[in-house]
N, C-alpha and C. Protein backbone atom coordinates (compact mmCIF):
# COMPACT_ATOMS: atom_id res chain seq x y z
N MET A 1 0.99 -0.95 0.42
CA MET A 1 -0.29 0.06 0.03
C MET A 1 0.94 1.37 -0.03
N GLU A 2 0.35 2.35 -1.16
CA GLU A 2 1.00 3.11 -1.13
C GLU A 2 0.73 4.51 -0.08
N ALA A 3 2.05 5.16 0.15
CA ALA A 3 1.40 6.34 0.85
C ALA A 3 0.43 7.75 0.86
N LYS A 4 -0.14 7.26 -1.16
CA LYS A 4 -1.44 7.81 -0.91
C LYS A 4 -2.79 7.58 -0.98
N LYS A 5 -2.12 6.08 -0.99
CA LYS A 5 -3.31 5.76 -0.17
C LYS A 5 -3.44 5.68 1.21
N LEU A 6 -3.14 4.81 2.25
CA LEU A 6 -2.68 5.38 3.40
C LEU A 6 -3.70 6.98 3.63
N LYS A 7 -3.12 7.80 2.72
CA LYS A 7 -3.16 9.07 2.99
C LYS A 7 -4.94 9.83 2.92
N GLU A 8 -5.33 8.60 2.28
CA GLU A 8 -6.78 8.72 1.93
C GLU A 8 -7.81 7.71 2.39
N PHE A 9 -7.06 6.69 2.90
CA PHE A 9 -7.98 5.82 4.03
C PHE A 9 -8.24 7.45 5.07
N LEU A 10 -6.97 7.50 5.63
CA LEU A 10 -6.85 8.36 6.88
C LEU A 10 -7.64 9.56 7.27
N GLU A 11 -8.39 10.03 5.88
CA GLU A 11 -8.86 11.03 5.57
C GLU A 11 -10.51 10.59 5.94
N LYS A 12 -10.29 9.71 4.73
CA LYS A 12 -12.03 9.29 4.48
C LYS A 12 -12.48 8.42 5.31
N PHE A 13 -11.99 7.61 6.54
CA PHE A 13 -12.36 6.79 7.52
C PHE A 13 -11.37 6.75 8.70
N PRO A 14 -11.41 8.02 9.69
CA PRO A 14 -10.86 8.57 10.59
C PRO A 14 -10.86 7.38 11.63
N ASN A 15 -11.90 7.48 11.81
CA ASN A 15 -12.62 6.51 12.57
C ASN A 15 -12.34 4.96 12.58
N GLY A 16 -12.19 5.06 11.35
CA GLY A 16 -12.08 2.90 10.77
C GLY A 16 -10.28 2.56 11.03
N VAL A 17 -10.18 3.87 10.82
CA VAL A 17 -8.40 3.08 11.04
C VAL A 17 -7.73 3.43 12.04
N GLU A 18 -6.96 2.14 12.49
CA GLU A 18 -6.46 2.01 14.20
C GLU A 18 -5.29 2.61 13.89
N ILE A 19 -5.00 3.88 15.11
CA ILE A 19 -3.51 3.65 15.03
C ILE A 19 -2.22 2.96 16.94
N VAL A 20 -1.78 2.53 15.65
CA VAL A 20 -0.79 1.72 17.48
C VAL A 20 0.22 2.53 17.53
N LEU A 21 0.69 2.64 18.21
CA LEU A 21 1.79 3.19 18.51
C LEU A 21 2.82 1.79 18.98
N LEU A 22 4.25 2.32 17.89
CA LEU A 22 4.77 0.60 17.83
C LEU A 22 5.45 0.54 19.54
N GLU A 23 5.95 1.00 19.92
CA GLU A 23 6.54 1.47 21.04
C GLU A 23 6.05 0.58 22.16
N SER A 24 4.37 1.04 22.39
CA SER A 24 3.69 0.67 23.16
C SER A 24 3.29 -1.19 23.17
N VAL A 25 4.01 -1.61 21.54
CA VAL A 25 3.43 -3.32 21.34
C VAL A 25 4.31 -4.38 21.97
N VAL A 26 6.04 -3.53 21.92
CA VAL A 26 7.21 -4.57 21.12
C VAL A 26 7.00 -4.80 23.25
N THR A 27 7.30 -5.80 22.66
CA THR A 27 7.71 -6.72 24.61
C THR A 27 9.26 -7.62 24.12
N ASP A 28 9.88 -7.20 23.06
CA ASP A 28 11.47 -7.66 23.33
C ASP A 28 11.79 -7.45 21.53
N SER A 29 13.83 -7.23 21.65
CA SER A 29 14.20 -6.62 20.19
C SER A 29 15.57 -7.39 20.15
N ALA A 30 15.85 -7.63 19.10
CA ALA A 30 16.87 -7.97 19.06
C ALA A 30 17.92 -7.41 18.04
N ARG A 31 18.72 -6.39 18.44
CA ARG A 31 19.84 -6.25 16.71
C ARG A 31 19.82 -7.50 15.89
N GLY A 32 20.50 -6.49 14.87
CA GLY A 32 20.52 -7.10 13.58
C GLY A 32 21.68 -7.51 13.13
N SER A 33 22.58 -8.56 12.61
CA SER A 33 24.88 -9.09 12.37
C SER A 33 23.95 -8.75 10.55
N ALA A 34 25.31 -9.07 10.87
CA ALA A 34 25.42 -9.74 8.98
C ALA A 34 24.73 -11.35 8.77
N ASP A 35 24.39 -12.43 9.51
CA ASP A 35 24.15 -12.67 9.36
C ASP A 35 22.20 -13.08 9.13
N ARG A 36 21.91 -12.24 10.06
CA ARG A 36 20.60 -12.09 10.42
C ARG A 36 19.97 -10.65 10.66
N PRO A 37 18.42 -10.43 10.52
CA PRO A 37 17.93 -8.70 10.38
C PRO A 37 17.88 -8.67 11.86
N GLY A 38 17.56 -7.67 12.44
CA GLY A 38 17.13 -7.18 13.66
C GLY A 38 16.09 -7.95 14.11
N ALA A 39 15.21 -7.25 15.14
CA ALA A 39 14.07 -8.48 15.32
C ALA A 39 13.04 -7.92 16.44
N LEU A 40 11.29 -7.63 16.15
CA LEU A 40 10.93 -7.05 17.18
C LEU A 40 10.21 -8.15 17.61
N LYS A 41 10.01 -8.13 19.25
CA LYS A 41 8.59 -8.90 18.94
C LYS A 41 7.19 -8.18 19.85
N LEU A 42 6.03 -8.56 18.96
CA LEU A 42 4.94 -7.17 19.58
C LEU A 42 3.65 -8.14 19.72
N ALA A 43 3.03 -8.13 21.40
CA ALA A 43 2.20 -7.97 21.88
C ALA A 43 1.09 -7.63 21.50
N VAL A 44 0.27 -8.13 20.41
CA VAL A 44 -1.08 -7.93 19.60
C VAL A 44 -1.92 -8.55 19.60
N SER A 45 -3.29 -8.41 20.32
CA SER A 45 -4.61 -9.34 20.27
C SER A 45 -4.58 -10.10 19.72
N ASP A 46 -5.30 -11.36 19.98
CA ASP A 46 -5.87 -12.83 19.73
C ASP A 46 -6.10 -12.66 17.75
N ALA A 47 -6.98 -11.12 17.94
CA ALA A 47 -8.13 -10.82 16.17
C ALA A 47 -6.56 -10.45 15.47
N VAL A 48 -5.72 -9.92 16.25
CA VAL A 48 -4.97 -9.91 14.74
C VAL A 48 -3.71 -10.77 14.66
N VAL A 49 -3.09 -12.02 15.98
CA VAL A 49 -3.01 -12.73 14.87
C VAL A 49 -3.94 -13.75 14.29
N LYS A 50 -4.83 -13.74 14.31
CA LYS A 50 -6.02 -14.60 14.19
C LYS A 50 -6.32 -13.84 12.47
N ASN A 51 -5.66 -13.19 12.36
CA ASN A 51 -6.38 -12.12 11.07
C ASN A 51 -5.31 -12.15 10.26
N LEU A 52 -3.78 -12.52 10.66
CA LEU A 52 -2.53 -12.15 9.95
C LEU A 52 -2.63 -13.91 9.42
N ARG A 53 -2.65 -14.95 10.32
CA ARG A 53 -2.52 -16.71 10.06
C ARG A 53 -3.70 -17.03 9.62
N GLY A 54 -4.86 -16.16 8.72
CA GLY A 54 -6.14 -16.77 8.21
C GLY A 54 -5.70 -15.95 6.96
N ASP A 55 -7.00 -16.08 6.01
CA ASP A 55 -7.31 -16.67 4.69
C ASP A 55 -6.82 -15.13 3.83
N PRO A 56 -5.17 -15.43 3.13
CA PRO A 56 -5.06 -13.64 2.67
C PRO A 56 -6.09 -12.83 1.14
N ALA A 57 -7.45 -12.88 1.14
CA ALA A 57 -7.72 -12.77 0.50
C ALA A 57 -9.48 -11.84 1.71
N LYS A 58 -8.30 -12.40 2.68
CA LYS A 58 -9.81 -11.64 3.93
C LYS A 58 -8.84 -10.89 5.07
N ARG A 59 -7.67 -10.78 4.16
CA ARG A 59 -6.82 -10.07 5.55
C ARG A 59 -7.37 -8.84 5.35
N ASP A 60 -7.13 -7.83 6.81
CA ASP A 60 -6.61 -7.17 6.94
C ASP A 60 -5.29 -6.00 6.30
N ALA A 61 -4.98 -4.99 6.42
CA ALA A 61 -3.54 -3.82 5.77
C ALA A 61 -2.78 -3.97 7.96
N PHE A 62 -1.85 -4.59 7.42
CA PHE A 62 -0.90 -3.90 8.43
C PHE A 62 0.34 -3.21 8.20
N LEU A 63 0.15 -1.80 8.44
CA LEU A 63 1.04 -1.17 7.96
C LEU A 63 2.82 -0.48 9.08
N LEU A 64 4.08 -0.37 9.20
CA LEU A 64 4.46 -0.08 10.47
C LEU A 64 5.27 1.70 8.99
N VAL A 65 4.48 2.38 10.40
CA VAL A 65 4.94 3.57 9.03
C VAL A 65 5.95 4.53 10.20
N ARG A 66 6.86 5.14 9.89
CA ARG A 66 8.33 5.41 10.22
C ARG A 66 7.83 7.15 10.34
N ILE A 67 8.24 7.72 10.96
CA ILE A 67 7.96 9.40 11.47
C ILE A 67 9.19 10.35 11.50
N PRO A 68 10.53 10.13 11.00
CA PRO A 68 11.86 10.50 11.40
C PRO A 68 11.44 12.20 12.39
N ARG A 69 12.42 11.94 13.84
CA ARG A 69 12.55 12.73 14.34
C ARG A 69 12.91 14.52 13.81
N ASP A 70 12.74 14.49 12.56
CA ASP A 70 13.49 15.82 12.19
C ASP A 70 12.23 16.00 11.68
N LEU A 71 11.45 15.23 11.18
CA LEU A 71 9.94 16.17 10.91
C LEU A 71 9.13 16.48 12.40
N ILE A 72 9.11 15.54 13.07
CA ILE A 72 8.37 15.90 14.17
C ILE A 72 8.34 16.87 14.78
N GLU A 73 10.25 17.27 15.13
CA GLU A 73 11.01 18.31 15.88
C GLU A 73 10.08 20.16 14.58
N ARG A 74 10.51 19.49 13.68
CA ARG A 74 9.97 20.62 12.49
C ARG A 74 8.45 21.34 12.71
N GLU A 75 7.00 20.09 13.22
CA GLU A 75 6.06 20.29 12.96
C GLU A 75 5.60 20.66 14.13
N ALA A 76 6.38 20.79 15.45
CA ALA A 76 6.55 21.07 16.33
C ALA A 76 7.01 22.04 16.36
N SER A 77 7.95 23.53 15.15
CA SER A 77 8.82 24.36 15.21
C SER A 77 7.64 25.53 15.26
N LEU A 78 7.71 26.74 15.13
CA LEU A 78 7.03 27.98 14.68
C LEU A 78 7.34 28.58 13.63
N ILE A 79 8.69 28.15 12.48
CA ILE A 79 9.73 28.02 12.20
C ILE A 79 8.48 27.47 10.83
N ILE A 80 8.65 28.13 9.45
CA ILE A 80 8.22 27.88 8.39
C ILE A 80 9.49 27.01 7.24
N LEU A 81 9.66 26.48 7.21
CA LEU A 81 11.54 26.14 6.64
C LEU A 81 10.64 25.24 5.09
N PRO A 82 11.77 26.27 4.26
CA PRO A 82 11.44 25.47 2.85
C PRO A 82 11.20 24.21 2.59
N GLY A 83 10.00 23.53 1.54
CA GLY A 83 10.04 21.99 1.43
C GLY A 83 9.44 21.51 1.66
N LEU A 84 8.49 22.43 2.18
CA LEU A 84 7.21 21.77 3.24
C LEU A 84 5.87 22.41 3.12
């Protein structure tokens, strides 16, 4: 799913899209190495697990969205920066 489609869903269905802060569901983590990627263990509801394990044609879309720290700081600033 592309960013444009995500924005569209957020605008059309603001109460239908669930947003969860990743740090609130991470229960364990492991850094990556040359041999393996990093890993996160998440605590989610059983309904989420069933949805992900179920029929691919009936799955919800689960996304991981990253907002870089500099954008968060820009949003809080009263200074208008070029390029925004």
